[in-house]
Amino acid sequence: MSDEGDPAWRAPAARVAEELREIARALAVAELAPASLETAHGLLREARGLLEGDGTRRVRWYDRGGERLEITPASARAYLDQSPIRGRLNPIAPPIAIETAERPDGTPIVIGRAELGLAYEGPPHGVHGGWVAALFDDVLGAAQWLVRSRGVTARLSVQYRHVTPCEEPLRFEAWIEEERGRRVVAHATCHAGETLTAEAEALFLKVDFREIDTRMRSRRAEGDG
């Protein structure tokens, strides 16, 4: 199985991922009889066997170019497919939908929309703070593209203003505050309706992802040695 963008593969994979999200949702909210759980367990074990196949690992987005990372439209799409935050093919992703827009004054922004169920619950009726932070990290990271930058998170600060509710539409908005040398500072907000639930600031450092890939490949090789 590869990430060549074959619609014949991606469409059913997306349906499987969505079904797994629904299974997680049902397990988090439903009062279930032991017999039903035992039956479900058997069916899921059978499904896992189908999904594991012969054990061949999927080519990751950063391995598509062989021995050297090549960032292309196809690899970028594969990265987004696999993202644990917005990946349609990743069942742990809520997922969040990202788009670019402009404020009335012309300021470019990134907007993220998501709705998290009780599988992501922390405080009563609220999204776990770790997931709120993860969503912020993804939206803020996407905002780097507003200045054609690509970097990694060096610092993420979140201020929780109100419980971020589960099972309600959430709107994230992110924008760039500063770009200086390798440093990019971005801010973001999260609203549930008219309620500001959290704010965040992130510092990103521009990096060469090819260098990161090379270092991690060396680390793997040392670990296998």
Protein backbone atom coordinates (compact mmCIF):
# COMPACT_ATOMS: atom_id res chain seq x y z
CA MET A 1 0.00 0.00 0.00
CA SER A 2 1.48 3.33 -1.01
CA ASP A 3 0.55 6.99 -0.80
CA GLU A 4 0.33 7.58 -4.54
CA GLY A 5 -2.99 9.36 -4.21
CA ASP A 6 -4.93 6.57 -5.94
CA PRO A 7 -8.63 7.42 -5.48
CA ALA A 8 -9.44 3.70 -5.61
CA TRP A 9 -7.48 3.30 -2.37
CA ARG A 10 -7.95 6.64 -0.62
CA ALA A 11 -11.75 6.68 -0.71
CA PRO A 12 -12.29 3.34 1.09
CA ALA A 13 -9.44 4.15 3.50
CA ALA A 14 -11.20 7.39 4.42
CA ARG A 15 -14.44 5.46 5.01
CA VAL A 16 -12.63 2.97 7.25
CA ALA A 17 -11.06 5.80 9.26
CA GLU A 18 -14.44 7.49 9.66
CA GLU A 19 -16.03 4.23 10.80
CA LEU A 20 -13.29 3.80 13.40
CA ARG A 21 -14.02 7.32 14.68
CA GLU A 22 -17.68 6.37 15.00
CA ILE A 23 -16.73 3.19 16.86
CA ALA A 24 -14.65 5.25 19.30
CA ARG A 25 -17.57 7.65 19.72
CA ALA A 26 -20.02 4.82 20.40
CA LEU A 27 -17.67 3.17 22.91
CA ALA A 28 -17.33 6.50 24.72
CA VAL A 29 -21.06 7.24 25.03
CA ALA A 30 -23.13 4.06 24.80
CA GLU A 31 -24.24 1.82 27.67
CA LEU A 32 -23.32 -1.59 26.29
CA ALA A 33 -24.15 -5.15 27.26
CA PRO A 34 -21.20 -7.52 27.84
CA ALA A 35 -22.47 -9.85 25.11
CA SER A 36 -22.53 -7.02 22.60
CA LEU A 37 -18.99 -6.04 23.56
CA GLU A 38 -17.74 -9.61 23.15
CA THR A 39 -19.32 -9.85 19.71
CA ALA A 40 -17.89 -6.47 18.73
CA HIS A 41 -14.46 -7.55 19.95
CA GLY A 42 -14.53 -10.59 17.70
CA LEU A 43 -15.58 -8.57 14.67
CA LEU A 44 -12.92 -5.95 15.34
CA ARG A 45 -10.20 -8.58 15.65
CA GLU A 46 -11.27 -9.92 12.27
CA ALA A 47 -11.21 -6.41 10.81
CA ARG A 48 -7.77 -5.77 12.29
CA GLY A 49 -6.48 -8.87 10.53
CA LEU A 50 -7.74 -7.52 7.22
CA LEU A 51 -6.15 -4.12 7.81
CA GLU A 52 -2.78 -5.54 8.89
CA GLY A 53 -2.58 -7.52 5.64
CA ASP A 54 0.79 -9.18 5.12
CA GLY A 55 2.55 -6.73 7.44
CA THR A 56 3.96 -4.50 4.70
CA ARG A 57 4.32 -0.97 6.03
CA ARG A 58 2.89 1.94 4.08
CA VAL A 59 5.41 4.33 2.54
CA ARG A 60 5.37 7.44 4.72
CA TRP A 61 5.12 10.89 3.17
CA TYR A 62 8.78 11.63 3.96
CA ASP A 63 9.98 8.38 2.36
CA ARG A 64 8.36 8.96 -1.01
CA GLY A 65 11.58 10.35 -2.51
CA GLY A 66 13.66 7.35 -1.49
CA GLU A 67 16.83 8.16 0.42
CA ARG A 68 16.24 11.92 0.40
CA LEU A 69 13.12 13.80 1.44
CA GLU A 70 11.40 15.52 -1.47
CA ILE A 71 8.50 17.83 -0.63
CA THR A 72 6.03 17.73 -3.50
CA PRO A 73 2.26 18.30 -3.81
CA ALA A 74 1.79 14.54 -3.57
CA SER A 75 3.92 14.19 -0.43
CA ALA A 76 2.18 17.20 1.13
CA ARG A 77 -1.20 15.57 0.53
CA ALA A 78 0.09 12.32 2.02
CA TYR A 79 1.27 14.25 5.09
CA LEU A 80 -2.16 15.81 5.54
CA ASP A 81 -3.87 12.43 5.03
CA GLN A 82 -1.77 10.94 7.84
CA SER A 83 -1.96 13.90 10.25
CA PRO A 84 -3.21 12.94 13.73
CA ILE A 85 -5.08 16.26 13.85
CA ARG A 86 -6.65 16.75 10.42
CA GLY A 87 -5.89 13.53 8.56
CA ARG A 88 -8.95 12.06 6.88
CA LEU A 89 -7.14 8.73 6.76
CA ASN A 90 -6.07 8.83 10.41
CA PRO A 91 -8.83 7.56 12.73
CA ILE A 92 -7.53 9.38 15.81
CA ALA A 93 -7.88 12.76 14.06
CA PRO A 94 -11.09 14.64 15.02
CA PRO A 95 -10.42 15.83 12.18
CA ILE A 96 -10.15 19.61 11.88
CA ALA A 97 -10.85 21.35 8.57
CA ILE A 98 -8.45 24.16 7.64
CA GLU A 99 -8.94 27.02 5.21
CA THR A 100 -7.41 30.43 4.51
CA ALA A 101 -9.42 33.66 4.58
CA GLU A 102 -9.12 37.40 5.10
CA ARG A 103 -10.47 39.73 7.74
CA PRO A 104 -12.41 42.80 6.61
CA ASP A 105 -9.21 44.85 7.00
CA GLY A 106 -7.38 42.51 4.62
CA THR A 107 -5.37 40.62 7.25
CA PRO A 108 -4.77 37.04 6.05
CA ILE A 109 -5.86 34.37 8.51
CA VAL A 110 -6.27 30.63 8.82
CA ILE A 111 -9.60 29.26 10.01
CA GLY A 112 -10.02 25.82 11.56
CA ARG A 113 -13.34 24.12 12.20
CA ALA A 114 -13.89 21.03 14.31
CA GLU A 115 -16.38 19.33 16.59
CA LEU A 116 -15.02 16.90 19.16
CA GLY A 117 -17.17 14.23 20.74
CA LEU A 118 -17.03 12.67 24.18
CA ALA A 119 -14.13 10.44 23.18
CA TYR A 120 -12.03 13.63 23.58
CA GLU A 121 -13.61 14.71 26.89
CA GLY A 122 -11.56 15.96 29.83
CA PRO A 123 -13.53 18.14 32.28
CA PRO A 124 -17.32 17.64 32.47
CA HIS A 125 -18.78 18.34 29.01
CA GLY A 126 -15.43 19.79 27.88
CA VAL A 127 -12.63 18.89 25.48
CA HIS A 128 -9.45 17.69 27.19
CA GLY A 129 -6.96 20.55 27.39
CA GLY A 130 -4.29 18.49 25.67
CA TRP A 131 -6.48 18.17 22.61
CA VAL A 132 -7.22 21.90 22.63
CA ALA A 133 -3.46 22.51 22.62
CA ALA A 134 -2.94 19.99 19.81
CA LEU A 135 -5.60 21.68 17.68
CA PHE A 136 -3.98 25.05 18.31
CA ASP A 137 -0.58 23.67 17.32
CA ASP A 138 -1.97 22.45 14.01
CA VAL A 139 -3.88 25.65 13.19
CA LEU A 140 -0.95 27.85 14.17
CA GLY A 141 1.39 25.67 12.14
CA ALA A 142 -0.88 26.05 9.13
CA ALA A 143 -0.72 29.83 9.56
CA GLN A 144 2.98 29.72 8.63
CA TRP A 145 1.92 29.28 5.04
CA LEU A 146 0.50 32.80 5.13
CA VAL A 147 4.12 34.00 4.98
CA ARG A 148 5.34 31.05 2.89
CA SER A 149 7.26 29.66 5.83
CA ARG A 150 7.83 26.09 6.98
CA GLY A 151 9.08 25.36 10.49
CA VAL A 152 8.71 23.41 13.70
CA THR A 153 7.14 24.44 16.98
CA ALA A 154 9.70 25.81 19.42
CA ARG A 155 7.17 27.06 21.98
CA LEU A 156 3.41 26.83 22.40
CA SER A 157 1.56 28.78 25.08
CA VAL A 158 -2.17 28.26 25.68
CA GLN A 159 -4.43 30.33 27.91
CA TYR A 160 -7.65 28.52 28.75
CA ARG A 161 -10.43 31.07 29.22
CA HIS A 162 -13.47 28.79 29.40
CA VAL A 163 -14.22 25.09 29.13
CA THR A 164 -14.10 24.21 25.43
CA PRO A 165 -17.33 22.25 24.95
CA CYS A 166 -17.61 18.81 23.45
CA GLU A 167 -20.24 18.15 20.78
CA GLU A 168 -20.35 21.79 19.68
CA PRO A 169 -18.85 23.42 16.57
CA LEU A 170 -15.52 25.08 17.34
CA ARG A 171 -13.90 27.83 15.29
CA PHE A 172 -10.17 28.48 15.44
CA GLU A 173 -8.62 31.58 13.91
CA ALA A 174 -4.85 32.05 13.51
CA TRP A 175 -2.65 34.81 12.11
CA ILE A 176 0.99 35.82 11.94
CA GLU A 177 2.17 38.44 14.43
CA GLU A 178 5.86 38.61 13.55
CA GLU A 179 8.41 37.17 11.15
CA ARG A 180 12.08 37.86 11.84
CA GLY A 181 14.91 35.76 10.52
CA ARG A 182 14.22 32.14 11.40
CA ARG A 183 11.53 33.09 13.92
CA VAL A 184 7.81 33.21 13.17
CA VAL A 185 5.33 34.16 15.91
CA ALA A 186 1.65 33.32 15.43
CA HIS A 187 -1.46 33.88 17.54
CA ALA A 188 -4.80 32.06 17.56
CA THR A 189 -8.18 31.97 19.25
CA CYS A 190 -10.82 29.30 19.77
CA HIS A 191 -14.52 30.14 19.95
CA ALA A 192 -17.60 28.03 20.65
CA GLY A 193 -20.32 30.25 19.28
CA GLU A 194 -19.64 33.70 20.73
CA THR A 195 -17.64 32.32 23.68
CA LEU A 196 -13.86 32.68 23.62
CA THR A 197 -12.67 29.42 25.15
CA ALA A 198 -8.90 29.69 24.66
CA GLU A 199 -6.08 31.70 23.12
CA ALA A 200 -2.62 30.59 22.04
CA GLU A 201 0.73 31.90 20.89
CA ALA A 202 3.36 29.84 19.12
CA LEU A 203 6.97 30.41 18.18
CA PHE A 204 8.11 28.52 15.10
CA LEU A 205 11.67 28.12 13.89
CA LYS A 206 12.25 27.79 10.17
CA VAL A 207 14.07 24.56 9.44
CA ASP A 208 15.25 22.46 6.55
CA PHE A 209 13.09 19.35 6.78
CA ARG A 210 15.59 17.49 4.63
CA GLU A 211 18.18 17.98 7.37
CA ILE A 212 15.72 16.70 9.99
CA ASP A 213 14.96 13.69 7.80
CA THR A 214 18.67 12.94 7.40
CA ARG A 215 19.26 13.14 11.16
CA MET A 216 16.33 10.85 11.94
CA ARG A 217 17.42 8.33 9.32
CA SER A 218 20.86 8.26 10.97
CA ARG A 219 19.24 7.74 14.35
CA ARG A 220 17.22 4.82 13.01
CA ALA A 221 20.32 3.30 11.44
CA GLU A 222 22.23 3.57 14.74
CA GLY A 223 19.32 1.96 16.57
CA ASP A 224 19.21 -0.93 14.11
CA GLY A 225 22.98 -1.41 14.30
